[in-house]
């Protein structure tokens, strides 16, 4: 008796045969895919990659190396200029700080002399107590400001040039 043609496809295979054939074909097609990824850091690629560049365009490796050298020189020049500018700025800040301190000292001296002279003048002209208060008040004010300024500077941050330079010589 002839077999039933209900489960036969256009290739003449039955459903079970077709499924088995598809599985075998899928196993043959299916394979392993390996992805190899290479990376590098720095201005130059790995030597084997450089060699391939040279195969594509002769002389390209030399150009790439010269470009990397030029980039390195440029970067070092920029860093050096930035460092020199920072040092110059620090010197300006220190100079300004010193100038400010000197001006403060000069004004304090003038105030102290004026207070003593005014106190002496008042004391000589009959106001001994008032003269003593004016003279002593001027001196005490200057000394107090000087001491408080020293305490404040002792706890405050140092000028920029003295930060982080202890071991850089």
N, C-alpha and C. Protein backbone atom coordinates (compact mmCIF):
# COMPACT_ATOMS: atom_id res chain seq x y z
N UNK A 1 0.85 -1.16 0.00
CA UNK A 1 0.00 0.00 0.00
C UNK A 1 0.89 1.22 0.00
N UNK A 2 0.61 2.17 -0.85
CA UNK A 2 1.45 3.36 -0.93
C UNK A 2 1.27 4.20 0.31
N UNK A 3 2.37 4.87 0.64
CA UNK A 3 2.34 5.73 1.83
C UNK A 3 1.48 6.95 1.57
N UNK A 4 1.00 7.49 2.63
CA UNK A 4 0.18 8.69 2.54
C UNK A 4 1.06 9.87 2.18
N UNK A 5 0.60 10.72 1.33
CA UNK A 5 1.37 11.89 0.89
C UNK A 5 1.00 13.13 1.67
N UNK A 6 0.26 12.95 2.77
CA UNK A 6 -0.18 14.10 3.54
C UNK A 6 0.98 14.81 4.23
N UNK A 7 1.99 14.11 4.71
CA UNK A 7 3.09 14.69 5.45
C UNK A 7 4.35 14.85 4.61
N UNK A 8 4.21 14.90 3.33
CA UNK A 8 5.38 15.01 2.45
C UNK A 8 5.43 16.44 1.92
N UNK A 9 6.67 17.03 1.94
CA UNK A 9 6.82 18.39 1.42
C UNK A 9 7.19 18.35 -0.04
N UNK A 10 7.50 19.46 -0.61
CA UNK A 10 7.79 19.54 -2.03
C UNK A 10 9.09 18.84 -2.40
N UNK A 11 9.98 18.55 -1.43
CA UNK A 11 11.22 17.85 -1.70
C UNK A 11 11.05 16.34 -1.56
N UNK A 12 9.89 15.95 -1.23
CA UNK A 12 9.62 14.53 -1.08
C UNK A 12 9.98 14.01 0.29
N UNK A 13 10.13 14.86 1.29
CA UNK A 13 10.48 14.44 2.64
C UNK A 13 9.27 14.51 3.54
N UNK A 14 9.26 13.61 4.49
CA UNK A 14 8.21 13.62 5.50
C UNK A 14 8.57 14.65 6.56
N UNK A 15 7.64 15.02 7.39
CA UNK A 15 7.83 16.04 8.42
C UNK A 15 8.97 15.72 9.36
N UNK A 16 9.08 14.47 9.83
CA UNK A 16 10.14 14.10 10.75
C UNK A 16 11.50 14.15 10.08
N UNK A 17 11.55 13.69 8.84
CA UNK A 17 12.81 13.73 8.08
C UNK A 17 13.25 15.17 7.86
N UNK A 18 12.29 16.01 7.57
CA UNK A 18 12.59 17.43 7.32
C UNK A 18 13.14 18.09 8.58
N UNK A 19 12.55 17.81 9.73
CA UNK A 19 13.01 18.39 10.99
C UNK A 19 14.42 17.93 11.30
N UNK A 20 14.70 16.66 11.10
CA UNK A 20 16.04 16.13 11.35
C UNK A 20 17.04 16.76 10.40
N UNK A 21 16.66 16.89 9.15
CA UNK A 21 17.55 17.51 8.15
C UNK A 21 17.83 18.97 8.50
N UNK A 22 16.81 19.67 8.98
CA UNK A 22 16.99 21.08 9.36
C UNK A 22 17.93 21.19 10.56
N UNK A 23 17.81 20.31 11.52
CA UNK A 23 18.68 20.34 12.69
C UNK A 23 20.14 20.10 12.29
N UNK A 24 20.36 19.14 11.40
CA UNK A 24 21.72 18.84 10.93
C UNK A 24 22.29 20.03 10.17
N UNK A 25 21.47 20.64 9.33
CA UNK A 25 21.92 21.81 8.57
C UNK A 25 22.24 22.96 9.51
N UNK A 26 21.43 23.16 10.53
CA UNK A 26 21.67 24.23 11.50
C UNK A 26 22.97 23.99 12.24
N UNK A 27 23.26 22.75 12.61
CA UNK A 27 24.51 22.43 13.29
C UNK A 27 25.71 22.69 12.39
N UNK A 28 25.57 22.40 11.10
CA UNK A 28 26.67 22.66 10.16
C UNK A 28 26.91 24.16 9.99
N UNK A 29 25.84 24.91 9.93
CA UNK A 29 25.95 26.36 9.72
C UNK A 29 26.44 27.04 10.99
N UNK A 30 25.92 26.53 12.09
CA UNK A 30 26.25 27.13 13.37
C UNK A 30 27.72 26.87 13.68
N UNK A 31 28.41 27.89 14.08
CA UNK A 31 29.81 27.75 14.45
C UNK A 31 30.11 28.72 15.58
N UNK A 32 31.33 28.74 15.96
CA UNK A 32 31.74 29.65 17.01
C UNK A 32 32.22 30.94 16.39
N UNK A 33 31.84 32.03 17.01
CA UNK A 33 32.29 33.34 16.57
C UNK A 33 33.20 33.87 17.66
N UNK A 34 34.41 34.15 17.29
CA UNK A 34 35.37 34.70 18.25
C UNK A 34 35.66 36.13 17.84
N UNK A 35 35.53 37.00 18.79
CA UNK A 35 35.83 38.41 18.53
C UNK A 35 37.11 38.73 19.29
N UNK A 36 38.09 39.16 18.55
CA UNK A 36 39.36 39.56 19.16
C UNK A 36 39.43 41.07 19.08
N UNK A 37 39.59 41.67 20.24
CA UNK A 37 39.63 43.13 20.29
C UNK A 37 40.98 43.54 20.87
N UNK A 38 41.66 44.37 20.14
CA UNK A 38 42.96 44.86 20.58
C UNK A 38 42.86 46.35 20.79
N UNK A 39 43.41 46.80 21.89
CA UNK A 39 43.43 48.24 22.13
C UNK A 39 44.81 48.61 22.65
N UNK A 40 45.13 49.86 22.51
CA UNK A 40 46.41 50.35 23.00
C UNK A 40 46.21 51.78 23.47
N UNK A 41 47.10 52.20 24.33
CA UNK A 41 47.08 53.58 24.78
C UNK A 41 48.41 54.20 24.41
N UNK A 42 48.39 55.46 24.22
CA UNK A 42 49.62 56.15 23.87
C UNK A 42 49.53 56.71 22.47
N UNK A 43 50.56 57.35 22.06
CA UNK A 43 50.52 58.03 20.77
C UNK A 43 50.70 57.10 19.57
N UNK A 44 51.24 55.91 19.77
CA UNK A 44 51.52 55.02 18.65
C UNK A 44 50.77 53.71 18.78
N UNK A 45 50.28 53.17 17.64
CA UNK A 45 49.67 51.84 17.66
C UNK A 45 50.74 50.76 17.86
N UNK A 46 50.28 49.54 18.06
CA UNK A 46 51.20 48.42 18.22
C UNK A 46 52.03 48.22 16.96
N UNK A 47 53.24 47.65 17.09
CA UNK A 47 54.12 47.50 15.93
C UNK A 47 53.50 46.74 14.76
N UNK A 48 52.76 45.66 15.02
CA UNK A 48 52.17 44.92 13.91
C UNK A 48 51.12 45.74 13.17
N UNK A 49 50.42 46.61 13.91
CA UNK A 49 49.44 47.50 13.26
C UNK A 49 50.18 48.56 12.44
N UNK A 50 51.26 49.08 12.98
CA UNK A 50 52.06 50.06 12.22
C UNK A 50 52.56 49.44 10.92
N UNK A 51 52.99 48.20 11.00
CA UNK A 51 53.49 47.51 9.81
C UNK A 51 52.38 47.38 8.76
N UNK A 52 51.17 47.12 9.20
CA UNK A 52 50.04 47.03 8.26
C UNK A 52 49.74 48.39 7.63
N UNK A 53 49.88 49.46 8.42
CA UNK A 53 49.71 50.80 7.85
C UNK A 53 50.72 51.03 6.73
N UNK A 54 51.94 50.61 6.98
CA UNK A 54 53.00 50.80 5.98
C UNK A 54 52.74 49.96 4.74
N UNK A 55 52.09 48.82 4.88
CA UNK A 55 51.75 48.00 3.72
C UNK A 55 50.67 48.67 2.89
N UNK A 56 49.75 49.35 3.56
CA UNK A 56 48.68 50.04 2.84
C UNK A 56 49.23 51.25 2.09
N UNK A 57 50.06 52.02 2.76
CA UNK A 57 50.64 53.22 2.15
C UNK A 57 52.09 53.33 2.61
N UNK A 58 53.03 53.01 1.74
CA UNK A 58 54.45 53.06 2.13
C UNK A 58 54.83 54.45 2.66
N UNK A 59 55.56 54.44 3.77
CA UNK A 59 56.00 55.68 4.40
C UNK A 59 55.03 56.19 5.44
N UNK A 60 53.86 55.57 5.57
CA UNK A 60 52.85 56.04 6.51
C UNK A 60 53.31 55.85 7.96
N UNK A 61 54.03 54.77 8.21
CA UNK A 61 54.53 54.52 9.57
C UNK A 61 55.44 55.65 10.01
N UNK A 62 56.33 56.07 9.14
CA UNK A 62 57.25 57.17 9.48
C UNK A 62 56.48 58.46 9.76
N UNK A 63 55.45 58.71 8.96
CA UNK A 63 54.64 59.91 9.18
C UNK A 63 53.90 59.85 10.51
N UNK A 64 53.41 58.66 10.86
CA UNK A 64 52.69 58.50 12.13
C UNK A 64 53.64 58.72 13.30
N UNK A 65 54.84 58.18 13.20
CA UNK A 65 55.83 58.34 14.28
C UNK A 65 56.23 59.81 14.41
N UNK A 66 56.46 60.49 13.29
CA UNK A 66 56.81 61.92 13.35
C UNK A 66 55.67 62.74 13.94
N UNK A 67 54.44 62.37 13.58
CA UNK A 67 53.28 63.08 14.13
C UNK A 67 53.21 62.89 15.65
N UNK A 68 53.45 61.66 16.13
CA UNK A 68 53.43 61.39 17.56
C UNK A 68 54.53 62.17 18.28
N UNK A 69 55.71 62.24 17.68
CA UNK A 69 56.82 63.01 18.28
C UNK A 69 56.47 64.49 18.35
N UNK A 70 55.89 65.01 17.26
CA UNK A 70 55.51 66.43 17.24
C UNK A 70 54.44 66.72 18.29
N UNK A 71 53.48 65.81 18.42
CA UNK A 71 52.42 65.98 19.43
C UNK A 71 53.02 65.98 20.83
N UNK A 72 53.95 65.07 21.09
CA UNK A 72 54.60 65.01 22.41
C UNK A 72 55.37 66.28 22.71
N UNK A 73 56.10 66.78 21.73
CA UNK A 73 56.85 68.03 21.91
C UNK A 73 55.90 69.19 22.19
N UNK A 74 54.81 69.24 21.44
CA UNK A 74 53.83 70.32 21.62
C UNK A 74 53.22 70.25 23.03
N UNK A 75 52.84 69.05 23.46
CA UNK A 75 52.24 68.88 24.79
C UNK A 75 53.20 69.31 25.88
N UNK A 76 54.47 68.90 25.76
CA UNK A 76 55.45 69.29 26.78
C UNK A 76 55.66 70.80 26.79
N UNK A 77 55.69 71.42 25.62
CA UNK A 77 55.83 72.88 25.55
C UNK A 77 54.65 73.57 26.22
N UNK A 78 53.43 73.09 25.94
CA UNK A 78 52.24 73.69 26.54
C UNK A 78 52.25 73.53 28.05
N UNK A 79 52.63 72.35 28.54
CA UNK A 79 52.68 72.12 29.98
C UNK A 79 53.73 73.02 30.63
N UNK A 80 54.86 73.17 29.96
CA UNK A 80 55.92 74.02 30.50
C UNK A 80 55.46 75.48 30.56
N UNK A 81 54.80 75.94 29.52
CA UNK A 81 54.31 77.32 29.51
C UNK A 81 53.24 77.53 30.58
N UNK A 82 52.37 76.54 30.77
CA UNK A 82 51.34 76.66 31.81
C UNK A 82 51.98 76.70 33.20
N UNK A 83 52.99 75.89 33.40
CA UNK A 83 53.68 75.88 34.70
C UNK A 83 54.40 77.20 34.94
N UNK A 84 55.06 77.73 33.91
CA UNK A 84 55.74 79.02 34.06
C UNK A 84 54.74 80.13 34.36
N UNK A 85 53.58 80.09 33.71
CA UNK A 85 52.54 81.11 33.97
C UNK A 85 52.02 80.99 35.40
N UNK A 86 51.86 79.77 35.88
CA UNK A 86 51.39 79.57 37.25
C UNK A 86 52.42 80.07 38.26
N UNK A 87 53.69 79.80 37.99
CA UNK A 87 54.76 80.29 38.88
C UNK A 87 54.79 81.81 38.88
N UNK A 88 54.67 82.41 37.70
CA UNK A 88 54.67 83.87 37.61
C UNK A 88 53.48 84.46 38.37
N UNK A 89 52.31 83.82 38.25
CA UNK A 89 51.13 84.28 38.97
C UNK A 89 51.34 84.17 40.48
N UNK A 90 51.96 83.08 40.92
CA UNK A 90 52.24 82.91 42.35
C UNK A 90 53.19 84.00 42.85
N UNK A 91 54.19 84.34 42.04
CA UNK A 91 55.12 85.41 42.42
C UNK A 91 54.38 86.74 42.54
N UNK A 92 53.46 86.99 41.63
CA UNK A 92 52.69 88.23 41.69
C UNK A 92 51.82 88.27 42.95
N UNK A 93 51.23 87.13 43.29
CA UNK A 93 50.40 87.08 44.50
C UNK A 93 51.24 87.33 45.76
N UNK A 94 52.42 86.72 45.81
CA UNK A 94 53.30 86.91 46.96
C UNK A 94 53.75 88.36 47.04
N UNK A 95 54.13 88.94 45.89
CA UNK A 95 54.55 90.34 45.87
C UNK A 95 53.41 91.26 46.34
N UNK A 96 52.19 90.98 45.90
CA UNK A 96 51.05 91.79 46.32
C UNK A 96 50.80 91.64 47.82
N UNK A 97 50.96 90.43 48.32
CA UNK A 97 50.77 90.18 49.76
C UNK A 97 51.82 90.96 50.57
N UNK A 98 53.05 90.91 50.13
CA UNK A 98 54.13 91.63 50.83
C UNK A 98 53.87 93.14 50.79
N UNK A 99 53.45 93.63 49.63
CA UNK A 99 53.16 95.06 49.50
C UNK A 99 52.02 95.46 50.43
N UNK A 100 51.00 94.63 50.51
CA UNK A 100 49.87 94.92 51.39
C UNK A 100 50.31 94.95 52.85
N UNK A 101 51.15 94.02 53.25
CA UNK A 101 51.65 93.98 54.63
C UNK A 101 52.47 95.23 54.92
N UNK A 102 53.34 95.61 54.00
CA UNK A 102 54.18 96.80 54.21
C UNK A 102 53.35 98.06 54.32
N UNK A 103 52.35 98.19 53.46
CA UNK A 103 51.48 99.37 53.53
C UNK A 103 50.74 99.39 54.86
N UNK A 104 50.27 98.23 55.31
CA UNK A 104 49.60 98.15 56.60
C UNK A 104 50.53 98.55 57.74
N UNK A 105 51.77 98.12 57.68
CA UNK A 105 52.74 98.49 58.71
C UNK A 105 53.01 99.99 58.69
N UNK A 106 53.12 100.55 57.48
CA UNK A 106 53.38 101.99 57.38
C UNK A 106 52.21 102.80 57.92
N UNK A 107 50.99 102.42 57.60
CA UNK A 107 49.82 103.11 58.14
C UNK A 107 49.75 102.96 59.65
N UNK A 108 50.06 101.78 60.14
CA UNK A 108 50.05 101.57 61.60
C UNK A 108 51.07 102.47 62.28
N UNK A 109 52.24 102.61 61.68
CA UNK A 109 53.27 103.49 62.24
C UNK A 109 52.78 104.93 62.26
N UNK A 110 52.19 105.38 61.15
CA UNK A 110 51.68 106.76 61.08
C UNK A 110 50.59 106.98 62.12
N UNK A 111 49.67 106.03 62.27
CA UNK A 111 48.60 106.17 63.26
C UNK A 111 49.18 106.22 64.67
N UNK A 112 50.17 105.35 64.94
CA UNK A 112 50.79 105.34 66.28
C UNK A 112 51.48 106.66 66.57
N UNK A 113 52.21 107.20 65.60
CA UNK A 113 52.91 108.47 65.80
C UNK A 113 51.91 109.60 65.99
N UNK A 114 50.86 109.62 65.19
CA UNK A 114 49.83 110.66 65.31
C UNK A 114 49.16 110.56 66.69
N UNK A 115 48.84 109.33 67.13
CA UNK A 115 48.19 109.16 68.44
C UNK A 115 49.11 109.63 69.56
N UNK A 116 50.40 109.31 69.49
CA UNK A 116 51.35 109.76 70.51
C UNK A 116 51.50 111.27 70.50
N UNK A 117 51.63 111.83 69.30
CA UNK A 117 51.79 113.30 69.20
C UNK A 117 50.54 114.02 69.71
N UNK A 118 49.38 113.54 69.30
CA UNK A 118 48.13 114.16 69.74
C UNK A 118 47.96 114.01 71.25
N UNK A 119 48.26 112.82 71.76
CA UNK A 119 48.17 112.59 73.22
C UNK A 119 49.14 113.48 73.96
N UNK A 120 50.37 113.63 73.45
CA UNK A 120 51.36 114.50 74.10
C UNK A 120 50.90 115.95 74.06
N UNK A 121 50.36 116.38 72.92
CA UNK A 121 49.89 117.76 72.79
C UNK A 121 48.78 118.05 73.81
N UNK A 122 47.82 117.11 73.90
CA UNK A 122 46.70 117.30 74.84
C UNK A 122 47.22 117.28 76.27
N UNK A 123 48.17 116.40 76.57
CA UNK A 123 48.70 116.29 77.94
C UNK A 123 49.47 117.55 78.31
N UNK A 124 50.25 118.13 77.40
CA UNK A 124 51.04 119.34 77.67
C UNK A 124 50.12 120.54 77.85
N UNK A 125 49.00 120.55 77.17
CA UNK A 125 48.08 121.68 77.24
C UNK A 125 47.02 121.50 78.32
N UNK A 126 47.29 120.76 79.34
CA UNK A 126 46.42 120.70 80.50
C UNK A 126 45.53 119.49 80.60
N UNK A 127 45.49 118.65 79.68
CA UNK A 127 44.62 117.46 79.78
C UNK A 127 45.46 116.21 79.89
N UNK A 128 46.12 116.07 81.07
CA UNK A 128 47.03 114.94 81.24
C UNK A 128 46.30 113.59 81.07
N UNK A 129 45.13 113.49 81.70
CA UNK A 129 44.40 112.24 81.61
C UNK A 129 43.93 111.98 80.18
N UNK A 130 43.36 112.99 79.53
CA UNK A 130 42.87 112.86 78.15
C UNK A 130 44.03 112.55 77.21
N UNK A 131 45.17 113.19 77.42
CA UNK A 131 46.34 112.93 76.58
C UNK A 131 46.83 111.50 76.74
N UNK A 132 46.82 111.02 77.99
CA UNK A 132 47.26 109.64 78.25
C UNK A 132 46.30 108.65 77.59
N UNK A 133 45.01 108.92 77.67
CA UNK A 133 44.01 108.03 77.05
C UNK A 133 44.18 108.02 75.54
N UNK A 134 44.37 109.19 74.92
CA UNK A 134 44.52 109.26 73.46
C UNK A 134 45.79 108.54 73.03
N UNK A 135 46.89 108.82 73.68
CA UNK A 135 48.16 108.18 73.31
C UNK A 135 48.14 106.68 73.54
N UNK A 136 47.68 106.27 74.72
CA UNK A 136 47.63 104.85 75.05
C UNK A 136 46.59 104.13 74.18
N UNK A 137 45.47 104.77 73.94
CA UNK A 137 44.42 104.17 73.10
C UNK A 137 44.92 103.90 71.69
N UNK A 138 45.66 104.86 71.13
CA UNK A 138 46.21 104.67 69.79
C UNK A 138 47.20 103.51 69.75
N UNK A 139 48.09 103.48 70.76
CA UNK A 139 49.09 102.40 70.81
C UNK A 139 48.44 101.04 71.07
N UNK A 140 47.50 101.00 72.01
CA UNK A 140 46.84 99.74 72.33
C UNK A 140 46.06 99.23 71.11
N UNK A 141 45.40 100.12 70.40
CA UNK A 141 44.66 99.73 69.19
C UNK A 141 45.57 99.13 68.13
N UNK A 142 46.73 99.76 67.93
CA UNK A 142 47.67 99.25 66.92
C UNK A 142 48.23 97.90 67.35
N UNK A 143 48.62 97.79 68.62
CA UNK A 143 49.18 96.52 69.11
C UNK A 143 48.13 95.41 69.03
N UNK A 144 46.89 95.71 69.41
CA UNK A 144 45.81 94.72 69.35
C UNK A 144 45.57 94.26 67.92
N UNK A 145 45.50 95.21 67.01
CA UNK A 145 45.30 94.85 65.59
C UNK A 145 46.47 94.01 65.08
N UNK A 146 47.69 94.35 65.49
CA UNK A 146 48.87 93.59 65.06
C UNK A 146 48.81 92.16 65.58
N UNK A 147 48.46 91.99 66.86
CA UNK A 147 48.39 90.65 67.45
C UNK A 147 47.27 89.84 66.82
N UNK A 148 46.10 90.43 66.64
CA UNK A 148 44.99 89.72 66.03
C UNK A 148 45.30 89.36 64.57
N UNK A 149 45.99 90.25 63.89
CA UNK A 149 46.40 89.97 62.51
C UNK A 149 47.35 88.79 62.45
N UNK A 150 48.27 88.71 63.41
CA UNK A 150 49.21 87.57 63.47
C UNK A 150 48.47 86.27 63.73
N UNK A 151 47.50 86.32 64.65
CA UNK A 151 46.73 85.10 64.95
C UNK A 151 45.94 84.66 63.73
N UNK A 152 45.33 85.62 63.07
CA UNK A 152 44.54 85.32 61.87
C UNK A 152 45.42 84.73 60.78
N UNK A 153 46.59 85.30 60.54
CA UNK A 153 47.50 84.80 59.52
C UNK A 153 48.07 83.44 59.89
N UNK A 154 48.22 83.18 61.17
CA UNK A 154 48.74 81.89 61.60
C UNK A 154 47.77 80.76 61.28
N UNK A 155 46.46 81.03 61.35
CA UNK A 155 45.47 79.99 61.07
C UNK A 155 44.98 80.04 59.64
N UNK A 156 45.24 81.15 58.95
CA UNK A 156 44.78 81.27 57.57
C UNK A 156 45.74 80.53 56.63
N UNK A 157 45.29 80.39 55.40
CA UNK A 157 46.11 79.71 54.40
C UNK A 157 47.32 80.57 54.06
N UNK A 158 48.44 79.89 53.82
CA UNK A 158 49.67 80.60 53.49
C UNK A 158 49.59 81.13 52.06
N UNK A 159 50.45 82.07 51.70
CA UNK A 159 50.46 82.56 50.33
C UNK A 159 50.67 81.42 49.35
N UNK A 160 50.21 81.59 48.12
CA UNK A 160 50.19 80.53 47.11
C UNK A 160 51.57 79.95 46.82
N UNK A 161 52.63 80.74 46.90
CA UNK A 161 53.94 80.24 46.51
C UNK A 161 54.51 79.24 47.49
N UNK A 162 54.05 79.25 48.75
CA UNK A 162 54.61 78.33 49.73
C UNK A 162 53.83 77.04 49.81
N UNK A 163 52.70 76.93 49.08
CA UNK A 163 51.91 75.70 49.10
C UNK A 163 52.55 74.65 48.24
N UNK A 164 52.79 73.47 48.78
CA UNK A 164 53.21 72.32 48.00
C UNK A 164 54.57 72.41 47.36
N UNK A 165 55.45 73.28 47.84
CA UNK A 165 56.76 73.41 47.21
C UNK A 165 57.87 72.86 48.07
N UNK A 166 57.52 72.24 49.20
CA UNK A 166 58.57 71.81 50.13
C UNK A 166 59.51 70.77 49.54
N UNK A 167 59.02 69.80 48.80
CA UNK A 167 59.90 68.74 48.30
C UNK A 167 60.18 68.82 46.82
N UNK A 168 59.96 69.96 46.19
CA UNK A 168 60.09 70.06 44.75
C UNK A 168 61.42 70.63 44.30
N UNK A 169 62.41 70.64 45.13
CA UNK A 169 63.68 71.25 44.73
C UNK A 169 64.63 70.23 44.17
